[in-house]
Amino acid sequence: MAEKTVTVEQIGSPIRREGKQRATLIGLGLNKIRRRSTLTDTPSVRGMIEKVKHLVRVVE
């Protein structure tokens, strides 16, 4: 059985944001606008996406 994955793309800049939000983006493998990262769909990854939902979008 294949693992489910989720692809996220950074759409906003972490400039003038709390340091935790920048760290969360780096944890998701993102650090530049328009960069995409494919991750395993787990509750912890979904929580990270939720914390920076204003800076990323989920690509279907």
Protein backbone atom coordinates (compact mmCIF):
# COMPACT_ATOMS: atom_id res chain seq x y z
CA MET A 1 0.00 0.00 0.00
CA ALA A 2 1.45 3.35 -1.06
CA GLU A 3 1.88 6.12 1.47
CA LYS A 4 -0.27 9.19 1.02
CA THR A 5 1.60 12.36 0.24
CA VAL A 6 0.79 16.04 0.29
CA THR A 7 2.48 18.71 -1.83
CA VAL A 8 2.72 22.24 -0.47
CA GLU A 9 3.86 25.40 -2.24
CA GLN A 10 5.06 28.54 -0.50
CA ILE A 11 3.04 31.58 -1.57
CA GLY A 12 4.00 34.10 1.11
CA SER A 13 7.15 35.53 2.63
CA PRO A 14 8.10 34.95 6.28
CA ILE A 15 9.53 38.49 6.50
CA ARG A 16 8.01 40.39 9.45
CA ARG A 17 6.58 37.15 10.83
CA GLU A 18 7.25 35.36 14.07
CA GLY A 19 10.44 33.26 14.07
CA LYS A 20 8.46 30.07 14.68
CA GLN A 21 6.70 30.52 11.36
CA ARG A 22 10.01 30.75 9.48
CA ALA A 23 11.21 27.64 11.32
CA THR A 24 8.01 25.80 10.39
CA LEU A 25 8.51 26.66 6.71
CA ILE A 26 12.08 25.34 6.87
CA GLY A 27 10.75 22.19 8.57
CA LEU A 28 8.38 21.73 5.65
CA GLY A 29 11.31 22.05 3.24
CA LEU A 30 10.33 25.51 2.01
CA ASN A 31 12.33 28.74 2.11
CA LYS A 32 11.57 30.61 -1.12
CA ILE A 33 8.32 31.69 -2.74
CA ARG A 34 6.98 29.25 -5.37
CA ARG A 35 9.11 26.39 -3.99
CA ARG A 36 7.24 23.09 -3.66
CA SER A 37 7.78 20.23 -1.27
CA THR A 38 6.19 16.76 -1.26
CA LEU A 39 5.78 15.28 2.20
CA THR A 40 4.20 12.21 3.79
CA ASP A 41 0.65 13.02 4.85
CA THR A 42 0.76 12.64 8.63
CA PRO A 43 -1.03 14.50 11.43
CA SER A 44 2.20 16.28 12.39
CA VAL A 45 2.73 17.57 8.84
CA ARG A 46 -0.91 18.67 8.66
CA GLY A 47 -0.42 20.56 11.93
CA MET A 48 2.64 22.33 10.54
CA ILE A 49 0.68 23.30 7.41
CA GLU A 50 -2.14 24.62 9.62
CA LYS A 51 0.28 26.89 11.53
CA VAL A 52 1.48 28.58 8.33
CA LYS A 53 -1.65 28.23 6.20
CA HIS A 54 -1.44 31.93 5.28
CA LEU A 55 2.03 31.37 3.74
CA VAL A 56 1.49 28.06 1.90
CA ARG A 57 -1.09 26.32 -0.24
CA VAL A 58 -1.73 22.62 -0.75
CA VAL A 59 -1.25 21.59 -4.38
CA GLU A 60 -3.69 18.93 -5.57
